[in-house]
Amino acid sequence: MMILSGVWFSLEGSPEFIRQISYFLPLTHLVEGARAVMIEGADFVALSTHTIPLAVMTFVFLTIGALMFRWDGDGR
């Protein structure tokens, strides 16, 4: 995830399908949002293109995790 999110290097020169895959990773939105705040001084409205996908991913992954969780009382 760190390689495809653009943490260490820009994805501008990478093929289009790699950039499309990276937008399905939450770290990409976190990194781009943090850069926008630090470099451009972006406000919350400008960050909505990153906060909305992060909120959706959070909801989806927490729901899947809660549905898959099983509490076995036998201690294993």
PDB file of N, CA and C in Angstrom:
ATOM      1  N   MET A   1       0.828  -1.180   0.000  1.00  0.00           N
ATOM      2  CA  MET A   1       0.000   0.000   0.000  1.00  0.00           C
ATOM      3  C   MET A   1       0.880   1.254   0.000  1.00  0.00           C
ATOM      4  N   MET A   2       1.989   1.199   0.716  1.00  0.00           N
ATOM      5  CA  MET A   2       2.844   2.389   0.777  1.00  0.00           C
ATOM      6  C   MET A   2       3.496   2.692  -0.567  1.00  0.00           C
ATOM      7  N   ILE A   3       3.802   1.661  -1.330  1.00  0.00           N
ATOM      8  CA  ILE A   3       4.417   1.884  -2.640  1.00  0.00           C
ATOM      9  C   ILE A   3       3.428   2.534  -3.594  1.00  0.00           C
ATOM     10  N   LEU A   4       2.177   2.072  -3.579  1.00  0.00           N
ATOM     11  CA  LEU A   4       1.178   2.576  -4.511  1.00  0.00           C
ATOM     12  C   LEU A   4       0.473   3.847  -4.036  1.00  0.00           C
ATOM     13  N   SER A   5       0.721   4.295  -2.811  1.00  0.00           N
ATOM     14  CA  SER A   5       0.005   5.458  -2.307  1.00  0.00           C
ATOM     15  C   SER A   5       0.706   6.779  -2.609  1.00  0.00           C
ATOM     16  N   GLY A   6       1.935   6.736  -3.033  1.00  0.00           N
ATOM     17  CA  GLY A   6       2.663   7.961  -3.312  1.00  0.00           C
ATOM     18  C   GLY A   6       3.330   8.557  -2.095  1.00  0.00           C
ATOM     19  N   VAL A   7       3.586   7.763  -1.076  1.00  0.00           N
ATOM     20  CA  VAL A   7       4.244   8.258   0.132  1.00  0.00           C
ATOM     21  C   VAL A   7       5.681   8.659  -0.179  1.00  0.00           C
ATOM     22  N   TRP A   8       6.411   7.818  -0.866  1.00  0.00           N
ATOM     23  CA  TRP A   8       7.828   8.057  -1.104  1.00  0.00           C
ATOM     24  C   TRP A   8       8.130   8.703  -2.450  1.00  0.00           C
ATOM     25  N   PHE A   9       7.272   8.520  -3.429  1.00  0.00           N
ATOM     26  CA  PHE A   9       7.515   9.102  -4.746  1.00  0.00           C
ATOM     27  C   PHE A   9       6.181   9.381  -5.415  1.00  0.00           C
ATOM     28  N   SER A  10       6.202  10.300  -6.350  1.00  0.00           N
ATOM     29  CA  SER A  10       4.988  10.706  -7.046  1.00  0.00           C
ATOM     30  C   SER A  10       4.552   9.627  -8.038  1.00  0.00           C
ATOM     31  N   LEU A  11       3.254   9.505  -8.218  1.00  0.00           N
ATOM     32  CA  LEU A  11       2.723   8.550  -9.186  1.00  0.00           C
ATOM     33  C   LEU A  11       2.406   9.204 -10.525  1.00  0.00           C
ATOM     34  N   GLU A  12       2.854  10.432 -10.734  1.00  0.00           N
ATOM     35  CA  GLU A  12       2.540  11.150 -11.969  1.00  0.00           C
ATOM     36  C   GLU A  12       3.077  10.456 -13.209  1.00  0.00           C
ATOM     37  N   GLY A  13       4.234   9.846 -13.129  1.00  0.00           N
ATOM     38  CA  GLY A  13       4.825   9.191 -14.293  1.00  0.00           C
ATOM     39  C   GLY A  13       4.419   7.743 -14.458  1.00  0.00           C
ATOM     40  N   SER A  14       3.599   7.248 -13.566  1.00  0.00           N
ATOM     41  CA  SER A  14       3.196   5.841 -13.627  1.00  0.00           C
ATOM     42  C   SER A  14       2.035   5.656 -14.599  1.00  0.00           C
ATOM     43  N   PRO A  15       1.824   4.437 -15.058  1.00  0.00           N
ATOM     44  CA  PRO A  15       0.703   4.183 -15.974  1.00  0.00           C
ATOM     45  C   PRO A  15      -0.642   4.502 -15.315  1.00  0.00           C
ATOM     46  N   GLU A  16      -1.621   4.792 -16.139  1.00  0.00           N
ATOM     47  CA  GLU A  16      -2.941   5.196 -15.659  1.00  0.00           C
ATOM     48  C   GLU A  16      -3.596   4.130 -14.785  1.00  0.00           C
ATOM     49  N   PHE A  17      -3.434   2.857 -15.127  1.00  0.00           N
ATOM     50  CA  PHE A  17      -4.083   1.820 -14.332  1.00  0.00           C
ATOM     51  C   PHE A  17      -3.493   1.734 -12.923  1.00  0.00           C
ATOM     52  N   ILE A  18      -2.223   2.067 -12.762  1.00  0.00           N
ATOM     53  CA  ILE A  18      -1.610   2.102 -11.428  1.00  0.00           C
ATOM     54  C   ILE A  18      -2.213   3.237 -10.610  1.00  0.00           C
ATOM     55  N   ARG A  19      -2.407   4.397 -11.233  1.00  0.00           N
ATOM     56  CA  ARG A  19      -3.019   5.522 -10.524  1.00  0.00           C
ATOM     57  C   ARG A  19      -4.456   5.216 -10.145  1.00  0.00           C
ATOM     58  N   GLN A  20      -5.187   4.505 -11.005  1.00  0.00           N
ATOM     59  CA  GLN A  20      -6.564   4.135 -10.686  1.00  0.00           C
ATOM     60  C   GLN A  20      -6.608   3.160  -9.513  1.00  0.00           C
ATOM     61  N   ILE A  21      -5.686   2.214  -9.474  1.00  0.00           N
ATOM     62  CA  ILE A  21      -5.620   1.258  -8.364  1.00  0.00           C
ATOM     63  C   ILE A  21      -5.316   1.995  -7.060  1.00  0.00           C
ATOM     64  N   SER A  22      -4.435   2.995  -7.131  1.00  0.00           N
ATOM     65  CA  SER A  22      -4.026   3.701  -5.913  1.00  0.00           C
ATOM     66  C   SER A  22      -5.189   4.435  -5.258  1.00  0.00           C
ATOM     67  N   TYR A  23      -6.194   4.842  -6.024  1.00  0.00           N
ATOM     68  CA  TYR A  23      -7.326   5.561  -5.435  1.00  0.00           C
ATOM     69  C   TYR A  23      -8.267   4.652  -4.657  1.00  0.00           C
ATOM     70  N   PHE A  24      -8.066   3.348  -4.731  1.00  0.00           N
ATOM     71  CA  PHE A  24      -8.834   2.420  -3.902  1.00  0.00           C
ATOM     72  C   PHE A  24      -8.141   2.131  -2.573  1.00  0.00           C
ATOM     73  N   LEU A  25      -6.981   2.747  -2.353  1.00  0.00           N
ATOM     74  CA  LEU A  25      -6.233   2.556  -1.109  1.00  0.00           C
ATOM     75  C   LEU A  25      -6.451   3.759  -0.188  1.00  0.00           C
ATOM     76  N   PRO A  26      -6.771   3.523   1.072  1.00  0.00           N
ATOM     77  CA  PRO A  26      -7.010   4.650   1.968  1.00  0.00           C
ATOM     78  C   PRO A  26      -5.777   5.520   2.209  1.00  0.00           C
ATOM     79  N   LEU A  27      -4.604   4.941   2.182  1.00  0.00           N
ATOM     80  CA  LEU A  27      -3.393   5.724   2.435  1.00  0.00           C
ATOM     81  C   LEU A  27      -3.165   6.786   1.363  1.00  0.00           C
ATOM     82  N   THR A  28      -3.586   6.527   0.140  1.00  0.00           N
ATOM     83  CA  THR A  28      -3.461   7.517  -0.930  1.00  0.00           C
ATOM     84  C   THR A  28      -4.240   8.772  -0.582  1.00  0.00           C
ATOM     85  N   HIS A  29      -5.462   8.607  -0.118  1.00  0.00           N
ATOM     86  CA  HIS A  29      -6.280   9.771   0.229  1.00  0.00           C
ATOM     87  C   HIS A  29      -5.719  10.501   1.444  1.00  0.00           C
ATOM     88  N   LEU A  30      -5.198   9.766   2.398  1.00  0.00           N
ATOM     89  CA  LEU A  30      -4.594  10.382   3.579  1.00  0.00           C
ATOM     90  C   LEU A  30      -3.367  11.205   3.193  1.00  0.00           C
ATOM     91  N   VAL A  31      -2.501  10.641   2.365  1.00  0.00           N
ATOM     92  CA  VAL A  31      -1.275  11.329   1.948  1.00  0.00           C
ATOM     93  C   VAL A  31      -1.604  12.562   1.120  1.00  0.00           C
ATOM     94  N   GLU A  32      -2.502  12.431   0.158  1.00  0.00           N
ATOM     95  CA  GLU A  32      -2.840  13.575  -0.690  1.00  0.00           C
ATOM     96  C   GLU A  32      -3.541  14.671   0.104  1.00  0.00           C
ATOM     97  N   GLY A  33      -4.376  14.284   1.050  1.00  0.00           N
ATOM     98  CA  GLY A  33      -5.032  15.279   1.893  1.00  0.00           C
ATOM     99  C   GLY A  33      -4.039  16.006   2.780  1.00  0.00           C
ATOM    100  N   ALA A  34      -3.113  15.266   3.371  1.00  0.00           N
ATOM    101  CA  ALA A  34      -2.099  15.892   4.221  1.00  0.00           C
ATOM    102  C   ALA A  34      -1.208  16.822   3.407  1.00  0.00           C
ATOM    103  N   ARG A  35      -0.841  16.426   2.218  1.00  0.00           N
ATOM    104  CA  ARG A  35      -0.027  17.297   1.360  1.00  0.00           C
ATOM    105  C   ARG A  35      -0.779  18.566   0.999  1.00  0.00           C
ATOM    106  N   ALA A  36      -2.077  18.426   0.699  1.00  0.00           N
ATOM    107  CA  ALA A  36      -2.872  19.604   0.341  1.00  0.00           C
ATOM    108  C   ALA A  36      -2.940  20.587   1.496  1.00  0.00           C
ATOM    109  N   VAL A  37      -3.055  20.089   2.716  1.00  0.00           N
ATOM    110  CA  VAL A  37      -3.099  20.972   3.883  1.00  0.00           C
ATOM    111  C   VAL A  37      -1.737  21.631   4.102  1.00  0.00           C
ATOM    112  N   MET A  38      -0.673  20.853   4.039  1.00  0.00           N
ATOM    113  CA  MET A  38       0.656  21.388   4.336  1.00  0.00           C
ATOM    114  C   MET A  38       1.184  22.307   3.250  1.00  0.00           C
ATOM    115  N   ILE A  39       0.951  21.963   1.989  1.00  0.00           N
ATOM    116  CA  ILE A  39       1.541  22.741   0.895  1.00  0.00           C
ATOM    117  C   ILE A  39       0.624  23.876   0.451  1.00  0.00           C
ATOM    118  N   GLU A  40      -0.677  23.585   0.305  1.00  0.00           N
ATOM    119  CA  GLU A  40      -1.599  24.575  -0.242  1.00  0.00           C
ATOM    120  C   GLU A  40      -2.443  25.265   0.824  1.00  0.00           C
ATOM    121  N   GLY A  41      -2.413  24.772   2.049  1.00  0.00           N
ATOM    122  CA  GLY A  41      -3.255  25.340   3.094  1.00  0.00           C
ATOM    123  C   GLY A  41      -4.730  25.048   2.863  1.00  0.00           C
ATOM    124  N   ALA A  42      -5.027  23.871   2.334  1.00  0.00           N
ATOM    125  CA  ALA A  42      -6.403  23.507   1.985  1.00  0.00           C
ATOM    126  C   ALA A  42      -7.294  23.460   3.224  1.00  0.00           C
ATOM    127  N   ASP A  43      -8.549  23.858   3.034  1.00  0.00           N
ATOM    128  CA  ASP A  43      -9.512  23.794   4.130  1.00  0.00           C
ATOM    129  C   ASP A  43     -10.332  22.506   4.031  1.00  0.00           C
ATOM    130  N   PHE A  44     -11.274  22.336   4.952  1.00  0.00           N
ATOM    131  CA  PHE A  44     -12.043  21.088   5.024  1.00  0.00           C
ATOM    132  C   PHE A  44     -12.873  20.848   3.768  1.00  0.00           C
ATOM    133  N   VAL A  45     -13.396  21.901   3.176  1.00  0.00           N
ATOM    134  CA  VAL A  45     -14.203  21.760   1.953  1.00  0.00           C
ATOM    135  C   VAL A  45     -13.336  21.262   0.803  1.00  0.00           C
ATOM    136  N   ALA A  46     -12.135  21.785   0.692  1.00  0.00           N
ATOM    137  CA  ALA A  46     -11.223  21.352  -0.369  1.00  0.00           C
ATOM    138  C   ALA A  46     -10.771  19.915  -0.170  1.00  0.00           C
ATOM    139  N   LEU A  47     -10.797  19.454   1.070  1.00  0.00           N
ATOM    140  CA  LEU A  47     -10.374  18.085   1.371  1.00  0.00           C
ATOM    141  C   LEU A  47     -11.488  17.065   1.215  1.00  0.00           C
ATOM    142  N   SER A  48     -12.684  17.507   0.835  1.00  0.00           N
ATOM    143  CA  SER A  48     -13.812  16.580   0.739  1.00  0.00           C
ATOM    144  C   SER A  48     -13.578  15.473  -0.286  1.00  0.00           C
ATOM    145  N   THR A  49     -12.755  15.723  -1.289  1.00  0.00           N
ATOM    146  CA  THR A  49     -12.454  14.665  -2.260  1.00  0.00           C
ATOM    147  C   THR A  49     -11.628  13.546  -1.638  1.00  0.00           C
ATOM    148  N   HIS A  50     -11.054  13.813  -0.477  1.00  0.00           N
ATOM    149  CA  HIS A  50     -10.282  12.793   0.229  1.00  0.00           C
ATOM    150  C   HIS A  50     -10.989  12.297   1.486  1.00  0.00           C
ATOM    151  N   THR A  51     -11.702  13.178   2.175  1.00  0.00           N
ATOM    152  CA  THR A  51     -12.361  12.756   3.411  1.00  0.00           C
ATOM    153  C   THR A  51     -13.584  11.887   3.156  1.00  0.00           C
ATOM    154  N   ILE A  52     -14.302  12.138   2.083  1.00  0.00           N
ATOM    155  CA  ILE A  52     -15.483  11.313   1.777  1.00  0.00           C
ATOM    156  C   ILE A  52     -15.085   9.873   1.467  1.00  0.00           C
ATOM    157  N   PRO A  53     -14.109   9.627   0.567  1.00  0.00           N
ATOM    158  CA  PRO A  53     -13.700   8.231   0.354  1.00  0.00           C
ATOM    159  C   PRO A  53     -13.154   7.568   1.617  1.00  0.00           C
ATOM    160  N   LEU A  54     -12.436   8.321   2.456  1.00  0.00           N
ATOM    161  CA  LEU A  54     -11.931   7.750   3.701  1.00  0.00           C
ATOM    162  C   LEU A  54     -13.072   7.378   4.642  1.00  0.00           C
ATOM    163  N   ALA A  55     -14.098   8.214   4.710  1.00  0.00           N
ATOM    164  CA  ALA A  55     -15.249   7.912   5.563  1.00  0.00           C
ATOM    165  C   ALA A  55     -16.004   6.690   5.056  1.00  0.00           C
ATOM    166  N   VAL A  56     -16.161   6.591   3.742  1.00  0.00           N
ATOM    167  CA  VAL A  56     -16.848   5.434   3.160  1.00  0.00           C
ATOM    168  C   VAL A  56     -16.055   4.157   3.417  1.00  0.00           C
ATOM    169  N   MET A  57     -14.731   4.214   3.205  1.00  0.00           N
ATOM    170  CA  MET A  57     -13.894   3.040   3.454  1.00  0.00           C
ATOM    171  C   MET A  57     -13.937   2.638   4.924  1.00  0.00           C
ATOM    172  N   THR A  58     -13.924   3.622   5.816  1.00  0.00           N
ATOM    173  CA  THR A  58     -14.001   3.330   7.246  1.00  0.00           C
ATOM    174  C   THR A  58     -15.294   2.607   7.573  1.00  0.00           C
ATOM    175  N   PHE A  59     -16.410   3.112   7.064  1.00  0.00           N
ATOM    176  CA  PHE A  59     -17.705   2.484   7.312  1.00  0.00           C
ATOM    177  C   PHE A  59     -17.756   1.059   6.765  1.00  0.00           C
ATOM    178  N   VAL A  60     -17.292   0.883   5.536  1.00  0.00           N
ATOM    179  CA  VAL A  60     -17.326  -0.443   4.899  1.00  0.00           C
ATOM    180  C   VAL A  60     -16.448  -1.437   5.656  1.00  0.00           C
ATOM    181  N   PHE A  61     -15.208  -1.047   5.966  1.00  0.00           N
ATOM    182  CA  PHE A  61     -14.291  -1.980   6.625  1.00  0.00           C
ATOM    183  C   PHE A  61     -14.706  -2.281   8.059  1.00  0.00           C
ATOM    184  N   LEU A  62     -15.243  -1.304   8.768  1.00  0.00           N
ATOM    185  CA  LEU A  62     -15.727  -1.565  10.122  1.00  0.00           C
ATOM    186  C   LEU A  62     -16.952  -2.472  10.107  1.00  0.00           C
ATOM    187  N   THR A  63     -17.826  -2.278   9.128  1.00  0.00           N
ATOM    188  CA  THR A  63     -19.006  -3.141   9.001  1.00  0.00           C
ATOM    189  C   THR A  63     -18.602  -4.576   8.693  1.00  0.00           C
ATOM    190  N   ILE A  64     -17.689  -4.744   7.744  1.00  0.00           N
ATOM    191  CA  ILE A  64     -17.213  -6.093   7.409  1.00  0.00           C
ATOM    192  C   ILE A  64     -16.542  -6.734   8.613  1.00  0.00           C
ATOM    193  N   GLY A  65     -15.719  -5.975   9.323  1.00  0.00           N
ATOM    194  CA  GLY A  65     -15.049  -6.504  10.504  1.00  0.00           C
ATOM    195  C   GLY A  65     -16.027  -6.905  11.597  1.00  0.00           C
ATOM    196  N   ALA A  66     -17.052  -6.092  11.807  1.00  0.00           N
ATOM    197  CA  ALA A  66     -18.042  -6.408  12.836  1.00  0.00           C
ATOM    198  C   ALA A  66     -18.860  -7.636  12.461  1.00  0.00           C
ATOM    199  N   LEU A  67     -19.185  -7.781  11.186  1.00  0.00           N
ATOM    200  CA  LEU A  67     -19.958  -8.943  10.743  1.00  0.00           C
ATOM    201  C   LEU A  67     -19.142 -10.229  10.779  1.00  0.00           C
ATOM    202  N   MET A  68     -17.848 -10.132  10.552  1.00  0.00           N
ATOM    203  CA  MET A  68     -17.000 -11.320  10.540  1.00  0.00           C
ATOM    204  C   MET A  68     -16.525 -11.727  11.933  1.00  0.00           C
ATOM    205  N   PHE A  69     -16.623 -10.822  12.904  1.00  0.00           N
ATOM    206  CA  PHE A  69     -16.126 -11.095  14.252  1.00  0.00           C
ATOM    207  C   PHE A  69     -17.007 -12.138  14.928  1.00  0.00           C
ATOM    208  N   ARG A  70     -16.367 -13.100  15.521  1.00  0.00           N
ATOM    209  CA  ARG A  70     -17.068 -14.120  16.304  1.00  0.00           C
ATOM    210  C   ARG A  70     -16.401 -14.227  17.654  1.00  0.00           C
ATOM    211  N   TRP A  71     -17.180 -14.213  18.697  1.00  0.00           N
ATOM    212  CA  TRP A  71     -16.679 -14.324  20.056  1.00  0.00           C
ATOM    213  C   TRP A  71     -16.873 -15.753  20.532  1.00  0.00           C
ATOM    214  N   ASP A  72     -15.791 -16.496  20.595  1.00  0.00           N
ATOM    215  CA  ASP A  72     -15.846 -17.856  21.116  1.00  0.00           C
ATOM    216  C   ASP A  72     -15.481 -17.810  22.593  1.00  0.00           C
ATOM    217  N   GLY A  73     -16.350 -18.323  23.429  1.00  0.00           N
ATOM    218  CA  GLY A  73     -16.124 -18.262  24.855  1.00  0.00           C
ATOM    219  C   GLY A  73     -15.236 -19.358  25.398  1.00  0.00           C
ATOM    220  N   ASP A  74     -14.635 -20.176  24.520  1.00  0.00           N
ATOM    221  CA  ASP A  74     -13.829 -21.287  25.011  1.00  0.00           C
ATOM    222  C   ASP A  74     -12.361 -20.926  25.224  1.00  0.00           C
ATOM    223  N   GLY A  75     -11.951 -19.697  24.968  1.00  0.00           N
ATOM    224  CA  GLY A  75     -10.596 -19.258  25.261  1.00  0.00           C
ATOM    225  C   GLY A  75      -9.567 -19.567  24.191  1.00  0.00           C
ATOM    226  N   ARG A  76      -9.977 -20.045  23.051  1.00  0.00           N
ATOM    227  CA  ARG A  76      -9.009 -20.321  21.980  1.00  0.00           C
ATOM    228  C   ARG A  76      -8.893 -19.179  21.043  1.00  0.00           C
TER     229      ARG A  76
END
